[in-house]
Amino acid sequence: MPRLHVCSLSRLPETVAATGASHVLTLVNVGTALERPAAIPAECHGVVGVSDIVAPLEGHVLPAEEHIRQVLDFVRAWPRERPLVIHCYAGISRSTAAAYIAACAMAPERDEAEIARALREASPSATPNRLFVEIGDRLLRREGRMVAAVAAIGRGAEAFEGEPFHLVID
């Protein structure tokens, strides 16, 4: 059964080691220093350079359709034999939004609210980036259900850094 693991940048090496992940998807600001875990081949590491914002801000990259398409393309190419780790700087907003979008894409028959509730149960601090989810909802033709489901779980608990967690995709 495919598993998506989510963590912060600081917890990436230990999460990859603990999960035996074959692929890593990184969502960080353009220019962030990155070191790919040695166990992950370069072709199995996707990097999306995007800021954790929902409105234009000078010096930052606003999430756009191209970024969410990168997420979807990477997830669809992942062979699912071993786990995928998705991370951002704090493991709270960009990565949780990408994991939610990935879960919705990989299980199109599954209810968006059920996936959102599973996300909240797995991570009390998850606060998916609203713009990521809006774009993912549109690309996956979920007609606003993803947006409504994430709004229904509300903002996560305050945290500087999220605890690593996983979602099982049915």
C-alpha atoms as a PDB file:
ATOM      1  CA  MET A   1       0.000   0.000   0.000  1.00  0.00           C
ATOM      2  CA  PRO A   2       1.553   3.349  -1.041  1.00  0.00           C
ATOM      3  CA  ARG A   3       2.654   5.635   1.779  1.00  0.00           C
ATOM      4  CA  LEU A   4       3.329   9.351   1.731  1.00  0.00           C
ATOM      5  CA  HIS A   5       5.575  10.584   4.524  1.00  0.00           C
ATOM      6  CA  VAL A   6       5.763  14.276   5.391  1.00  0.00           C
ATOM      7  CA  CYS A   7       8.491  16.031   7.342  1.00  0.00           C
ATOM      8  CA  SER A   8      10.505  19.215   7.719  1.00  0.00           C
ATOM      9  CA  LEU A   9      13.839  19.900   6.053  1.00  0.00           C
ATOM     10  CA  SER A  10      15.695  19.285   9.318  1.00  0.00           C
ATOM     11  CA  ARG A  11      14.053  15.848   9.703  1.00  0.00           C
ATOM     12  CA  LEU A  12      14.555  14.754   6.076  1.00  0.00           C
ATOM     13  CA  PRO A  13      17.611  12.480   6.515  1.00  0.00           C
ATOM     14  CA  GLU A  14      16.135  10.594   9.464  1.00  0.00           C
ATOM     15  CA  THR A  15      12.722  10.282   7.787  1.00  0.00           C
ATOM     16  CA  VAL A  16      14.208   8.853   4.591  1.00  0.00           C
ATOM     17  CA  ALA A  17      16.306   6.405   6.625  1.00  0.00           C
ATOM     18  CA  ALA A  18      13.423   5.349   8.880  1.00  0.00           C
ATOM     19  CA  THR A  19      10.938   4.840   6.034  1.00  0.00           C
ATOM     20  CA  GLY A  20      13.144   3.312   3.355  1.00  0.00           C
ATOM     21  CA  ALA A  21      11.757   5.875   0.915  1.00  0.00           C
ATOM     22  CA  SER A  22      12.738   5.625  -2.735  1.00  0.00           C
ATOM     23  CA  HIS A  23      11.671   9.154  -3.726  1.00  0.00           C
ATOM     24  CA  VAL A  24      11.732  12.636  -2.180  1.00  0.00           C
ATOM     25  CA  LEU A  25       9.742  15.703  -3.189  1.00  0.00           C
ATOM     26  CA  THR A  26      11.146  18.987  -1.871  1.00  0.00           C
ATOM     27  CA  LEU A  27       9.095  22.199  -1.705  1.00  0.00           C
ATOM     28  CA  VAL A  28      11.244  25.128  -0.583  1.00  0.00           C
ATOM     29  CA  ASN A  29      11.968  28.753  -1.367  1.00  0.00           C
ATOM     30  CA  VAL A  30      14.150  29.317  -4.400  1.00  0.00           C
ATOM     31  CA  GLY A  31      17.774  29.451  -3.239  1.00  0.00           C
ATOM     32  CA  THR A  32      17.339  27.332  -0.114  1.00  0.00           C
ATOM     33  CA  ALA A  33      20.443  25.214   0.483  1.00  0.00           C
ATOM     34  CA  LEU A  34      19.600  21.546  -0.035  1.00  0.00           C
ATOM     35  CA  GLU A  35      21.464  18.321   0.445  1.00  0.00           C
ATOM     36  CA  ARG A  36      19.786  15.310  -1.134  1.00  0.00           C
ATOM     37  CA  PRO A  37      19.886  12.254   1.133  1.00  0.00           C
ATOM     38  CA  ALA A  38      22.561   9.836  -0.133  1.00  0.00           C
ATOM     39  CA  ALA A  39      20.018   6.991  -0.381  1.00  0.00           C
ATOM     40  CA  ILE A  40      17.949   8.940  -2.936  1.00  0.00           C
ATOM     41  CA  PRO A  41      19.238   8.970  -6.532  1.00  0.00           C
ATOM     42  CA  ALA A  42      19.120  12.364  -8.248  1.00  0.00           C
ATOM     43  CA  GLU A  43      16.419  11.167 -10.673  1.00  0.00           C
ATOM     44  CA  CYS A  44      14.207  10.244  -7.693  1.00  0.00           C
ATOM     45  CA  HIS A  45      14.374  13.711  -6.134  1.00  0.00           C
ATOM     46  CA  GLY A  46      11.968  16.392  -7.278  1.00  0.00           C
ATOM     47  CA  VAL A  47      12.442  20.010  -6.253  1.00  0.00           C
ATOM     48  CA  VAL A  48       9.728  22.644  -6.539  1.00  0.00           C
ATOM     49  CA  GLY A  49      11.002  26.155  -5.853  1.00  0.00           C
ATOM     50  CA  VAL A  50       8.019  27.996  -4.405  1.00  0.00           C
ATOM     51  CA  SER A  51       7.379  30.171  -1.368  1.00  0.00           C
ATOM     52  CA  ASP A  52       4.846  29.469   1.366  1.00  0.00           C
ATOM     53  CA  ILE A  53       2.598  32.412   0.557  1.00  0.00           C
ATOM     54  CA  VAL A  54      -0.966  32.913  -0.699  1.00  0.00           C
ATOM     55  CA  ALA A  55      -0.589  36.414  -2.178  1.00  0.00           C
ATOM     56  CA  PRO A  56       2.206  38.084  -4.149  1.00  0.00           C
ATOM     57  CA  LEU A  57       5.152  39.189  -2.032  1.00  0.00           C
ATOM     58  CA  GLU A  58       8.256  40.847  -3.413  1.00  0.00           C
ATOM     59  CA  GLY A  59      11.238  38.511  -3.565  1.00  0.00           C
ATOM     60  CA  HIS A  60       9.077  35.375  -3.280  1.00  0.00           C
ATOM     61  CA  VAL A  61       7.591  32.877  -5.725  1.00  0.00           C
ATOM     62  CA  LEU A  62       3.798  32.726  -5.533  1.00  0.00           C
ATOM     63  CA  PRO A  63       2.391  29.193  -5.913  1.00  0.00           C
ATOM     64  CA  ALA A  64       1.020  28.768  -9.434  1.00  0.00           C
ATOM     65  CA  GLU A  65      -0.416  26.048 -11.622  1.00  0.00           C
ATOM     66  CA  GLU A  66       3.059  25.108 -12.887  1.00  0.00           C
ATOM     67  CA  HIS A  67       4.199  24.286  -9.326  1.00  0.00           C
ATOM     68  CA  ILE A  68       1.215  22.073  -8.588  1.00  0.00           C
ATOM     69  CA  ARG A  69       1.634  20.369 -11.970  1.00  0.00           C
ATOM     70  CA  GLN A  70       5.235  19.600 -10.949  1.00  0.00           C
ATOM     71  CA  VAL A  71       3.927  18.007  -7.740  1.00  0.00           C
ATOM     72  CA  LEU A  72       1.330  15.967  -9.627  1.00  0.00           C
ATOM     73  CA  ASP A  73       3.768  14.875 -12.334  1.00  0.00           C
ATOM     74  CA  PHE A  74       6.317  13.744  -9.751  1.00  0.00           C
ATOM     75  CA  VAL A  75       3.745  11.840  -7.705  1.00  0.00           C
ATOM     76  CA  ARG A  76       2.276  10.171 -10.792  1.00  0.00           C
ATOM     77  CA  ALA A  77       5.770   9.041 -11.884  1.00  0.00           C
ATOM     78  CA  TRP A  78       6.589   7.598  -8.439  1.00  0.00           C
ATOM     79  CA  PRO A  79       6.433   3.774  -8.749  1.00  0.00           C
ATOM     80  CA  ARG A  80       4.776   3.352  -5.286  1.00  0.00           C
ATOM     81  CA  GLU A  81       6.813   0.266  -4.379  1.00  0.00           C
ATOM     82  CA  ARG A  82       8.511   2.126  -1.529  1.00  0.00           C
ATOM     83  CA  PRO A  83       7.447   5.282   0.327  1.00  0.00           C
ATOM     84  CA  LEU A  84       7.633   8.842  -0.964  1.00  0.00           C
ATOM     85  CA  VAL A  85       8.790  11.596   1.405  1.00  0.00           C
ATOM     86  CA  ILE A  86       7.388  15.080   0.828  1.00  0.00           C
ATOM     87  CA  HIS A  87       8.999  17.894   2.764  1.00  0.00           C
ATOM     88  CA  CYS A  88       9.174  21.649   3.010  1.00  0.00           C
ATOM     89  CA  TYR A  89      11.076  23.849   5.423  1.00  0.00           C
ATOM     90  CA  ALA A  90       8.835  23.319   8.470  1.00  0.00           C
ATOM     91  CA  GLY A  91       6.711  20.331   7.440  1.00  0.00           C
ATOM     92  CA  ILE A  92       3.509  22.263   8.141  1.00  0.00           C
ATOM     93  CA  SER A  93       2.139  24.078   5.080  1.00  0.00           C
ATOM     94  CA  ARG A  94       3.595  23.401   1.614  1.00  0.00           C
ATOM     95  CA  SER A  95       4.381  19.750   2.265  1.00  0.00           C
ATOM     96  CA  THR A  96       1.027  19.006   3.902  1.00  0.00           C
ATOM     97  CA  ALA A  97      -0.778  20.682   0.998  1.00  0.00           C
ATOM     98  CA  ALA A  98       1.278  18.671  -1.504  1.00  0.00           C
ATOM     99  CA  ALA A  99       0.573  15.440   0.396  1.00  0.00           C
ATOM    100  CA  TYR A 100      -3.148  16.231   0.454  1.00  0.00           C
ATOM    101  CA  ILE A 101      -3.150  16.999  -3.280  1.00  0.00           C
ATOM    102  CA  ALA A 102      -1.163  13.819  -3.969  1.00  0.00           C
ATOM    103  CA  ALA A 103      -3.565  11.712  -1.915  1.00  0.00           C
ATOM    104  CA  CYS A 104      -6.552  13.180  -3.773  1.00  0.00           C
ATOM    105  CA  ALA A 105      -4.864  12.560  -7.141  1.00  0.00           C
ATOM    106  CA  MET A 106      -3.882   8.982  -6.291  1.00  0.00           C
ATOM    107  CA  ALA A 107      -7.333   8.061  -4.944  1.00  0.00           C
ATOM    108  CA  PRO A 108      -9.791   9.931  -7.165  1.00  0.00           C
ATOM    109  CA  GLU A 109     -12.730   7.949  -5.824  1.00  0.00           C
ATOM    110  CA  ARG A 110     -11.953   8.801  -2.198  1.00  0.00           C
ATOM    111  CA  ASP A 111     -13.880  11.577  -0.462  1.00  0.00           C
ATOM    112  CA  GLU A 112     -11.872  14.793  -0.066  1.00  0.00           C
ATOM    113  CA  ALA A 113     -13.179  15.359   3.451  1.00  0.00           C
ATOM    114  CA  GLU A 114     -12.105  11.857   4.485  1.00  0.00           C
ATOM    115  CA  ILE A 115      -8.572  12.535   3.225  1.00  0.00           C
ATOM    116  CA  ALA A 116      -8.502  15.911   4.999  1.00  0.00           C
ATOM    117  CA  ARG A 117      -9.629  14.286   8.257  1.00  0.00           C
ATOM    118  CA  ALA A 118      -6.911  11.626   7.882  1.00  0.00           C
ATOM    119  CA  LEU A 119      -4.400  14.444   7.386  1.00  0.00           C
ATOM    120  CA  ARG A 120      -5.552  16.208  10.559  1.00  0.00           C
ATOM    121  CA  GLU A 121      -5.479  12.965  12.541  1.00  0.00           C
ATOM    122  CA  ALA A 122      -1.946  12.234  11.338  1.00  0.00           C
ATOM    123  CA  SER A 123      -0.695  15.772  11.974  1.00  0.00           C
ATOM    124  CA  PRO A 124      -2.234  18.139  14.526  1.00  0.00           C
ATOM    125  CA  SER A 125      -0.032  20.967  13.180  1.00  0.00           C
ATOM    126  CA  ALA A 126      -0.821  20.490   9.472  1.00  0.00           C
ATOM    127  CA  THR A 127      -1.974  23.758   7.933  1.00  0.00           C
ATOM    128  CA  PRO A 128      -2.044  23.110   4.178  1.00  0.00           C
ATOM    129  CA  ASN A 129      -1.211  26.144   2.067  1.00  0.00           C
ATOM    130  CA  ARG A 130      -4.625  27.388   0.906  1.00  0.00           C
ATOM    131  CA  LEU A 131      -3.407  28.506  -2.541  1.00  0.00           C
ATOM    132  CA  PHE A 132      -1.759  25.127  -3.202  1.00  0.00           C
ATOM    133  CA  VAL A 133      -5.053  23.418  -2.349  1.00  0.00           C
ATOM    134  CA  GLU A 134      -7.121  25.822  -4.489  1.00  0.00           C
ATOM    135  CA  ILE A 135      -4.908  25.147  -7.506  1.00  0.00           C
ATOM    136  CA  GLY A 136      -4.859  21.397  -6.859  1.00  0.00           C
ATOM    137  CA  ASP A 137      -8.647  21.370  -6.547  1.00  0.00           C
ATOM    138  CA  ARG A 138      -8.967  23.095  -9.915  1.00  0.00           C
ATOM    139  CA  LEU A 139      -6.424  20.834 -11.665  1.00  0.00           C
ATOM    140  CA  LEU A 140      -8.013  17.677 -10.257  1.00  0.00           C
ATOM    141  CA  ARG A 141     -11.523  18.969 -11.096  1.00  0.00           C
ATOM    142  CA  ARG A 142     -12.743  18.479  -7.537  1.00  0.00           C
ATOM    143  CA  GLU A 143     -15.152  21.441  -7.864  1.00  0.00           C
ATOM    144  CA  GLY A 144     -14.205  23.142  -4.599  1.00  0.00           C
ATOM    145  CA  ARG A 145     -14.501  20.016  -2.449  1.00  0.00           C
ATOM    146  CA  MET A 146     -10.779  19.947  -1.597  1.00  0.00           C
ATOM    147  CA  VAL A 147     -10.859  23.593  -0.544  1.00  0.00           C
ATOM    148  CA  ALA A 148     -13.970  23.030   1.585  1.00  0.00           C
ATOM    149  CA  ALA A 149     -12.491  19.913   3.190  1.00  0.00           C
ATOM    150  CA  VAL A 150      -9.280  21.676   4.208  1.00  0.00           C
ATOM    151  CA  ALA A 151     -11.255  24.651   5.509  1.00  0.00           C
ATOM    152  CA  ALA A 152     -13.354  22.242   7.584  1.00  0.00           C
ATOM    153  CA  ILE A 153     -10.315  20.802   9.405  1.00  0.00           C
ATOM    154  CA  GLY A 154      -9.144  24.337  10.195  1.00  0.00           C
ATOM    155  CA  ARG A 155      -5.733  25.670  10.981  1.00  0.00           C
ATOM    156  CA  GLY A 156      -3.422  23.252  12.719  1.00  0.00           C
ATOM    157  CA  ALA A 157      -1.911  23.658  16.156  1.00  0.00           C
ATOM    158  CA  GLU A 158       0.811  26.281  16.426  1.00  0.00           C
ATOM    159  CA  ALA A 159       4.259  24.782  15.914  1.00  0.00           C
ATOM    160  CA  PHE A 160       7.679  25.903  14.745  1.00  0.00           C
ATOM    161  CA  GLU A 161       8.172  22.565  13.020  1.00  0.00           C
ATOM    162  CA  GLY A 162       5.771  19.721  12.309  1.00  0.00           C
ATOM    163  CA  GLU A 163       6.359  16.201  13.548  1.00  0.00           C
ATOM    164  CA  PRO A 164       6.952  13.693  10.743  1.00  0.00           C
ATOM    165  CA  PHE A 165       3.812  11.743   9.812  1.00  0.00           C
ATOM    166  CA  HIS A 166       2.441   9.550   7.059  1.00  0.00           C
ATOM    167  CA  LEU A 167      -0.700   9.051   5.021  1.00  0.00           C
ATOM    168  CA  VAL A 168      -1.692   5.677   3.625  1.00  0.00           C
ATOM    169  CA  ILE A 169      -3.215   5.841   0.167  1.00  0.00           C
ATOM    170  CA  ASP A 170      -5.916   3.236  -0.465  1.00  0.00           C
END
